[in-house]
């Protein structure tokens, strides 16, 4: 398929609908920081056997997609140095507001894309009771922000010819880092993406994020710095040809759009606000409201051998949901799914397990694969 006009997004690959199926699921996946949608290639051979159409989307500033305009980039900080936490509070608040506006545009951009998929691809309507049809949107790693932006800004998006609430039945927040939700950091927190150094080797960051870690059950026993040695980092096992097909460094390097967004959103608290807006449900709405996505399931998929960030995020989401229940807070339906023994690149190392985590019903989990 071609991406809907005026989105700027790029369809890296589309498997097309499974032949003869009338209730297939359309799986739309948005990539993360530096790794574009080529990294999801191992999923594609399993589309037909899972009754799934897989659409891989490249974000703006990545191969095939439109670069950000000057006015869009102006919403991001000029440099990491401009985000010194010793700045006046009013200055940081201004940066926070600009980043929030930037992410609202990204949410509307992706919503426009999804409505175009429904309109142009004859997508079967979603049937949550049968776990069939409709669209499952997956945001991986930094892509979690795009998924959160869809949830947070759906109510302000207007598209007259598509009722997206009939199609979008699940949003998967796939292995998102704790800082992307704005959760408080442990005292010994370490993340080379949040404190970039000009003299650092970027491959060290990639080995860290693609490593296999062994974590304990407490904050004190999270493994912060060094991957375990029983299985090499995913990137270390990729060939140079494979890396060339899925790694695009520029947006994540110094001064790139992803780097400025990551550091700016974290240091100003914009990411925490976005998550709260995504999680919170407004009061009663008019029956049949086209933009009311309150029935969509939100699934937090976390890989328990990823960096500590994913495990910490899952713990914090679980605690927040428990607190919401106790306080009677009106929030979305959120489930947590743990992928046992997997790292941040389970879609590359164990694609069948990744697809199960995205697609299977919460009542159909297999022991040893993931739980909720």
Protein backbone atom coordinates (compact mmCIF):
# COMPACT_ATOMS: atom_id res chain seq x y z
CA UNK A 1 0.00 0.00 0.00
CA UNK A 2 0.95 3.64 -0.33
CA UNK A 3 0.80 5.76 2.82
CA UNK A 4 -2.16 8.12 3.02
CA UNK A 5 -1.31 11.52 1.62
CA UNK A 6 -0.02 14.30 3.85
CA UNK A 7 1.22 11.99 6.63
CA UNK A 8 4.90 12.08 5.74
CA UNK A 9 5.18 8.48 6.99
CA UNK A 10 6.53 5.69 4.81
CA UNK A 11 5.31 2.13 4.43
CA UNK A 12 8.54 0.17 4.58
CA UNK A 13 6.76 -3.12 3.94
CA UNK A 14 3.20 -4.40 3.66
CA UNK A 15 2.57 -8.14 3.50
CA UNK A 16 -0.95 -7.58 2.19
CA UNK A 17 -4.03 -9.40 3.48
CA UNK A 18 -3.77 -13.17 3.99
CA UNK A 19 -5.35 -14.85 1.00
CA UNK A 20 -8.97 -15.87 1.54
CA UNK A 21 -9.25 -14.40 5.05
CA UNK A 22 -12.10 -12.11 6.03
CA UNK A 23 -11.18 -11.66 9.69
CA UNK A 24 -7.45 -11.05 9.59
CA UNK A 25 -5.74 -8.60 11.95
CA UNK A 26 -3.81 -5.65 10.55
CA UNK A 27 -0.65 -5.20 12.60
CA UNK A 28 0.87 -1.72 12.23
CA UNK A 29 4.34 -1.38 13.80
CA UNK A 30 6.21 1.86 14.52
CA UNK A 31 9.95 1.59 15.15
CA UNK A 32 12.17 3.18 17.75
CA UNK A 33 15.38 5.22 18.05
CA UNK A 34 17.95 4.76 15.24
CA UNK A 35 16.59 1.37 14.13
CA UNK A 36 14.03 1.74 11.36
CA UNK A 37 11.40 -0.79 10.30
CA UNK A 38 13.90 -3.03 8.55
CA UNK A 39 14.59 -4.43 12.01
CA UNK A 40 11.14 -6.11 11.96
CA UNK A 41 11.87 -8.12 8.79
CA UNK A 42 12.03 -11.46 10.69
CA UNK A 43 8.33 -11.08 11.53
CA UNK A 44 7.18 -11.00 7.93
CA UNK A 45 7.36 -14.75 7.10
CA UNK A 46 4.86 -15.47 9.88
CA UNK A 47 2.12 -13.13 8.66
CA UNK A 48 0.00 -15.68 6.84
CA UNK A 49 0.14 -18.40 9.50
CA UNK A 50 -0.97 -15.88 12.14
CA UNK A 51 -3.81 -14.54 9.93
CA UNK A 52 -2.15 -11.16 9.98
CA UNK A 53 -1.40 -8.35 7.58
CA UNK A 54 1.83 -6.68 8.74
CA UNK A 55 2.44 -3.05 7.84
CA UNK A 56 5.83 -1.66 8.87
CA UNK A 57 5.99 2.12 9.13
CA UNK A 58 9.06 4.35 8.97
CA UNK A 59 8.76 7.54 11.00
CA UNK A 60 9.66 10.99 9.76
CA UNK A 61 13.40 11.59 9.24
CA UNK A 62 13.92 7.88 8.44
CA UNK A 63 14.45 6.23 5.03
CA UNK A 64 11.56 6.79 2.67
CA UNK A 65 9.67 9.12 5.02
CA UNK A 66 9.54 12.89 4.75
CA UNK A 67 12.12 14.86 6.75
CA UNK A 68 10.78 17.19 9.40
CA UNK A 69 10.20 20.73 8.22
CA UNK A 70 12.05 23.68 9.69
CA UNK A 71 8.94 24.74 11.60
CA UNK A 72 8.53 21.25 13.06
CA UNK A 73 12.16 21.06 14.12
CA UNK A 74 11.80 24.47 15.73
CA UNK A 75 9.56 22.81 18.33
CA UNK A 76 12.52 20.75 19.53
CA UNK A 77 15.49 22.12 21.51
CA UNK A 78 18.33 23.51 19.41
CA UNK A 79 20.82 21.28 21.20
CA UNK A 80 21.25 19.13 24.30
CA UNK A 81 23.21 21.98 25.85
CA UNK A 82 20.05 24.11 25.73
CA UNK A 83 18.49 21.67 28.20
CA UNK A 84 20.74 22.42 31.16
CA UNK A 85 18.64 21.77 34.24
CA UNK A 86 20.03 24.95 35.80
CA UNK A 87 17.92 26.97 33.38
CA UNK A 88 15.14 29.12 34.71
CA UNK A 89 11.92 27.12 35.27
CA UNK A 90 10.04 29.29 32.78
CA UNK A 91 12.57 28.47 30.06
CA UNK A 92 12.25 24.72 30.60
CA UNK A 93 8.46 25.04 30.74
CA UNK A 94 8.53 26.66 27.32
CA UNK A 95 10.56 23.76 25.93
CA UNK A 96 8.11 21.33 27.54
CA UNK A 97 5.12 23.01 25.90
CA UNK A 98 6.83 22.95 22.50
CA UNK A 99 7.65 19.24 22.79
CA UNK A 100 4.06 18.51 23.82
CA UNK A 101 2.85 20.34 20.70
CA UNK A 102 5.36 18.39 18.58
CA UNK A 103 4.01 15.08 19.93
CA UNK A 104 0.40 16.15 19.39
CA UNK A 105 1.27 16.58 15.72
CA UNK A 106 2.89 13.15 15.67
CA UNK A 107 -0.25 11.64 17.20
CA UNK A 108 -2.50 13.24 14.61
CA UNK A 109 -0.08 12.20 11.87
CA UNK A 110 -0.30 8.55 12.91
CA UNK A 111 -4.08 8.75 13.40
CA UNK A 112 -4.37 10.11 9.86
CA UNK A 113 -2.27 7.20 8.67
CA UNK A 114 -4.46 4.65 10.48
CA UNK A 115 -7.68 6.11 9.12
CA UNK A 116 -6.13 5.96 5.66
CA UNK A 117 -5.31 2.28 6.17
CA UNK A 118 -8.95 1.63 7.09
CA UNK A 119 -10.26 3.62 4.15
CA UNK A 120 -7.88 2.31 1.49
CA UNK A 121 -7.24 -1.29 2.56
CA UNK A 122 -10.71 -2.67 3.28
CA UNK A 123 -9.70 -3.58 6.84
CA UNK A 124 -12.13 -5.97 8.59
CA UNK A 125 -13.77 -4.37 11.60
CA UNK A 126 -12.32 -5.32 14.95
CA UNK A 127 -13.95 -8.10 16.97
CA UNK A 128 -12.35 -8.01 20.43
CA UNK A 129 -14.45 -10.94 21.68
CA UNK A 130 -12.90 -13.17 19.03
CA UNK A 131 -9.52 -11.41 19.08
CA UNK A 132 -9.85 -10.93 15.33
CA UNK A 133 -9.99 -8.26 12.67
CA UNK A 134 -9.29 -4.60 13.13
CA UNK A 135 -5.94 -2.97 13.79
CA UNK A 136 -3.34 -3.70 16.44
CA UNK A 137 -0.94 -0.76 16.69
CA UNK A 138 2.52 -1.49 18.10
CA UNK A 139 4.97 1.18 19.20
CA UNK A 140 8.43 -0.25 19.95
CA UNK A 141 10.95 1.48 22.21
CA UNK A 142 10.85 5.19 21.31
CA UNK A 143 7.82 4.34 19.18
CA UNK A 144 5.92 4.03 22.48
CA UNK A 145 5.71 7.83 22.41
CA UNK A 146 3.88 7.69 19.07
CA UNK A 147 1.43 5.12 20.45
CA UNK A 148 0.88 7.24 23.56
CA UNK A 149 0.31 10.28 21.35
CA UNK A 150 -2.43 8.42 19.47
CA UNK A 151 -4.20 7.63 22.74
CA UNK A 152 -3.65 11.07 24.22
CA UNK A 153 -4.82 13.04 21.20
CA UNK A 154 -7.47 10.85 19.59
CA UNK A 155 -10.27 13.06 20.95
CA UNK A 156 -8.89 16.13 19.15
CA UNK A 157 -8.51 14.32 15.83
CA UNK A 158 -11.39 14.62 13.37
CA UNK A 159 -11.86 12.49 10.30
CA UNK A 160 -15.40 12.38 8.98
CA UNK A 161 -15.35 9.27 6.80
CA UNK A 162 -13.78 6.74 9.21
CA UNK A 163 -14.92 5.74 12.68
CA UNK A 164 -11.58 4.50 13.98
CA UNK A 165 -13.10 3.19 17.20
CA UNK A 166 -14.59 0.32 15.18
CA UNK A 167 -11.18 -0.79 13.96
CA UNK A 168 -8.41 0.06 16.42
CA UNK A 169 -8.82 -2.60 19.08
CA UNK A 170 -5.40 -2.80 20.74
CA UNK A 171 -2.41 -0.51 21.26
CA UNK A 172 0.79 -2.29 22.28
CA UNK A 173 3.45 -0.36 24.16
CA UNK A 174 6.33 -2.67 23.32
CA UNK A 175 9.33 -2.65 25.66
CA UNK A 176 9.22 1.06 26.38
CA UNK A 177 11.84 2.55 28.68
CA UNK A 178 10.79 3.87 32.06
CA UNK A 179 11.77 7.43 31.16
CA UNK A 180 9.30 7.39 28.23
CA UNK A 181 6.51 7.18 30.83
CA UNK A 182 8.06 9.86 33.05
CA UNK A 183 8.50 7.55 36.03
CA UNK A 184 10.89 8.59 38.84
CA UNK A 185 14.42 7.34 38.29
CA UNK A 186 16.28 5.03 40.70
CA UNK A 187 19.25 6.66 42.41
CA UNK A 188 21.77 4.65 40.38
CA UNK A 189 19.93 4.97 37.04
CA UNK A 190 22.09 4.61 33.92
CA UNK A 191 21.08 5.20 30.31
CA UNK A 192 23.64 6.29 27.69
CA UNK A 193 20.87 7.74 25.51
CA UNK A 194 19.84 10.30 28.13
CA UNK A 195 23.31 11.66 28.82
CA UNK A 196 24.96 11.61 25.40
CA UNK A 197 28.69 12.36 25.30
CA UNK A 198 30.39 13.54 22.10
CA UNK A 199 33.34 11.19 22.78
CA UNK A 200 31.16 8.10 23.35
CA UNK A 201 31.17 5.25 20.85
CA UNK A 202 27.61 4.94 19.52
CA UNK A 203 28.10 1.20 19.02
CA UNK A 204 28.50 0.87 22.79
CA UNK A 205 24.99 2.29 23.18
CA UNK A 206 23.62 -0.16 20.63
CA UNK A 207 25.29 -3.11 22.33
CA UNK A 208 23.86 -1.95 25.65
CA UNK A 209 20.30 -1.60 24.36
CA UNK A 210 20.47 -4.92 22.45
CA UNK A 211 22.09 -6.88 25.26
CA UNK A 212 20.69 -9.62 27.49
CA UNK A 213 20.55 -8.61 31.15
CA UNK A 214 19.84 -10.63 34.26
CA UNK A 215 17.73 -8.65 36.75
CA UNK A 216 16.62 -9.33 40.28
CA UNK A 217 13.25 -8.54 41.78
CA UNK A 218 14.14 -5.26 43.48
CA UNK A 219 15.43 -1.85 42.44
CA UNK A 220 18.76 -2.68 44.04
CA UNK A 221 19.19 -5.82 41.94
CA UNK A 222 18.41 -4.35 38.52
CA UNK A 223 21.43 -4.74 36.27
CA UNK A 224 22.18 -1.22 35.06
CA UNK A 225 25.38 -1.23 33.05
CA UNK A 226 26.66 -4.53 31.74
CA UNK A 227 24.80 -7.24 29.82
CA UNK A 228 25.17 -10.85 30.90
CA UNK A 229 27.63 -13.05 29.02
CA UNK A 230 25.44 -16.07 28.33
CA UNK A 231 24.08 -14.57 25.09
CA UNK A 232 25.80 -11.83 23.06
CA UNK A 233 23.93 -8.59 22.30
CA UNK A 234 21.71 -8.83 19.25
CA UNK A 235 23.64 -6.15 17.38
CA UNK A 236 26.92 -8.02 17.91
CA UNK A 237 25.43 -10.99 16.04
CA UNK A 238 24.16 -8.98 13.07
CA UNK A 239 26.14 -8.96 9.85
CA UNK A 240 27.19 -5.68 8.28
CA UNK A 241 24.61 -6.26 5.55
CA UNK A 242 21.85 -6.78 8.12
CA UNK A 243 22.85 -3.63 9.96
CA UNK A 244 22.76 -1.66 6.72
CA UNK A 245 19.18 -2.82 6.15
CA UNK A 246 17.80 -1.65 9.48
CA UNK A 247 20.05 0.91 11.21
CA UNK A 248 19.80 4.63 10.40
CA UNK A 249 21.97 6.56 12.82
CA UNK A 250 21.42 10.21 11.89
CA UNK A 251 18.22 11.01 13.87
CA UNK A 252 19.73 9.52 17.03
CA UNK A 253 23.18 11.03 16.71
CA UNK A 254 24.24 14.35 18.19
CA UNK A 255 21.78 17.08 17.16
CA UNK A 256 19.41 14.60 15.46
CA UNK A 257 15.65 14.87 15.88
CA UNK A 258 15.36 11.71 18.00
CA UNK A 259 18.21 12.72 20.29
CA UNK A 260 16.73 16.19 20.88
CA UNK A 261 13.28 14.73 21.50
CA UNK A 262 14.56 12.06 23.89
CA UNK A 263 16.69 14.34 26.03
CA UNK A 264 14.24 17.24 25.90
CA UNK A 265 11.15 15.20 26.68
CA UNK A 266 12.88 13.47 29.57
CA UNK A 267 14.47 16.50 31.19
CA UNK A 268 11.37 18.71 30.95
CA UNK A 269 8.83 16.07 32.05
CA UNK A 270 6.93 16.18 28.74
CA UNK A 271 6.93 12.39 28.43
CA UNK A 272 5.29 11.92 31.81
CA UNK A 273 2.52 14.32 30.84
CA UNK A 274 1.98 12.48 27.56
CA UNK A 275 1.64 9.12 29.35
CA UNK A 276 -0.85 10.54 31.83
CA UNK A 277 -2.91 12.00 28.99
CA UNK A 278 -2.82 8.63 27.22
CA UNK A 279 -3.80 6.70 30.35
CA UNK A 280 -6.55 8.99 31.62
CA UNK A 281 -10.11 8.62 30.38
CA UNK A 282 -12.31 11.64 30.11
CA UNK A 283 -15.82 11.66 31.56
CA UNK A 284 -18.90 10.41 29.70
CA UNK A 285 -18.95 11.15 25.97
CA UNK A 286 -21.67 11.20 23.38
CA UNK A 287 -22.75 7.76 22.17
CA UNK A 288 -21.06 6.95 18.88
CA UNK A 289 -18.32 9.54 19.22
CA UNK A 290 -15.98 8.71 16.34
CA UNK A 291 -12.92 9.70 18.31
CA UNK A 292 -13.75 7.90 21.51
CA UNK A 293 -11.11 5.16 21.75
CA UNK A 294 -11.98 4.36 25.35
CA UNK A 295 -12.65 0.69 24.56
CA UNK A 296 -9.22 0.05 23.07
CA UNK A 297 -7.04 -2.37 25.01
CA UNK A 298 -3.61 -1.04 25.98
CA UNK A 299 -1.03 -3.80 26.35
CA UNK A 300 2.35 -3.11 27.94
CA UNK A 301 4.69 -5.79 26.60
CA UNK A 302 7.99 -5.99 28.45
CA UNK A 303 10.96 -8.26 27.89
CA UNK A 304 12.52 -9.36 31.16
CA UNK A 305 16.10 -9.53 29.81
CA UNK A 306 16.02 -6.08 28.22
CA UNK A 307 17.77 -3.15 29.84
CA UNK A 308 16.58 -2.33 33.35
CA UNK A 309 14.40 0.44 31.88
CA UNK A 310 11.77 -1.98 30.56
CA UNK A 311 11.47 -3.96 33.79
CA UNK A 312 11.28 -0.77 35.83
CA UNK A 313 8.60 0.61 33.50
CA UNK A 314 6.48 -2.52 33.92
CA UNK A 315 6.76 -2.39 37.71
CA UNK A 316 5.78 1.29 37.73
CA UNK A 317 2.81 0.78 35.39
CA UNK A 318 1.56 -2.07 37.58
CA UNK A 319 1.87 0.09 40.70
CA UNK A 320 0.12 2.99 38.99
CA UNK A 321 -2.79 0.80 37.91
CA UNK A 322 -3.16 -0.57 41.43
CA UNK A 323 -3.18 2.96 42.80
CA UNK A 324 -5.76 3.99 40.21
CA UNK A 325 -8.08 1.17 41.27
CA UNK A 326 -7.75 2.11 44.92
CA UNK A 327 -8.50 5.76 44.22
CA UNK A 328 -11.32 5.11 41.76
CA UNK A 329 -9.42 6.90 39.02
CA UNK A 330 -10.88 6.57 35.53
CA UNK A 331 -8.14 5.07 33.35
CA UNK A 332 -7.90 2.90 30.27
CA UNK A 333 -7.95 -0.88 30.30
CA UNK A 334 -4.27 -1.80 30.55
CA UNK A 335 -2.75 -5.27 30.68
CA UNK A 336 0.88 -6.19 31.24
CA UNK A 337 2.56 -8.96 29.27
CA UNK A 338 5.97 -10.30 30.26
CA UNK A 339 8.10 -12.00 27.62
CA UNK A 340 10.31 -14.45 29.47
CA UNK A 341 13.98 -14.66 28.58
CA UNK A 342 13.70 -12.06 25.82
CA UNK A 343 15.63 -8.87 25.22
CA UNK A 344 14.75 -5.59 23.51
CA UNK A 345 15.09 -7.22 20.09
CA UNK A 346 12.88 -10.27 20.57
CA UNK A 347 11.27 -9.48 17.19
CA UNK A 348 14.70 -10.19 15.63
CA UNK A 349 15.88 -13.05 17.83
CA UNK A 350 12.55 -14.84 18.39
CA UNK A 351 9.95 -13.39 15.98
CA UNK A 352 7.25 -16.00 16.62
CA UNK A 353 7.29 -15.19 20.33
CA UNK A 354 7.10 -11.47 19.59
CA UNK A 355 4.05 -11.95 17.38
CA UNK A 356 2.35 -14.02 20.03
CA UNK A 357 2.87 -11.24 22.56
CA UNK A 358 1.31 -8.71 20.18
CA UNK A 359 -1.55 -10.79 18.83
CA UNK A 360 -2.78 -13.48 21.16
CA UNK A 361 -5.66 -12.93 23.53
CA UNK A 362 -4.80 -12.45 27.20
CA UNK A 363 -6.68 -15.68 27.93
CA UNK A 364 -4.60 -17.65 25.43
CA UNK A 365 -1.10 -17.19 26.83
CA UNK A 366 1.33 -20.06 26.95
CA UNK A 367 3.36 -20.85 30.04
CA UNK A 368 6.93 -19.72 29.64
CA UNK A 369 6.14 -17.27 26.85
CA UNK A 370 4.43 -14.41 28.61
CA UNK A 371 1.91 -13.64 31.29
CA UNK A 372 -0.36 -10.75 32.25
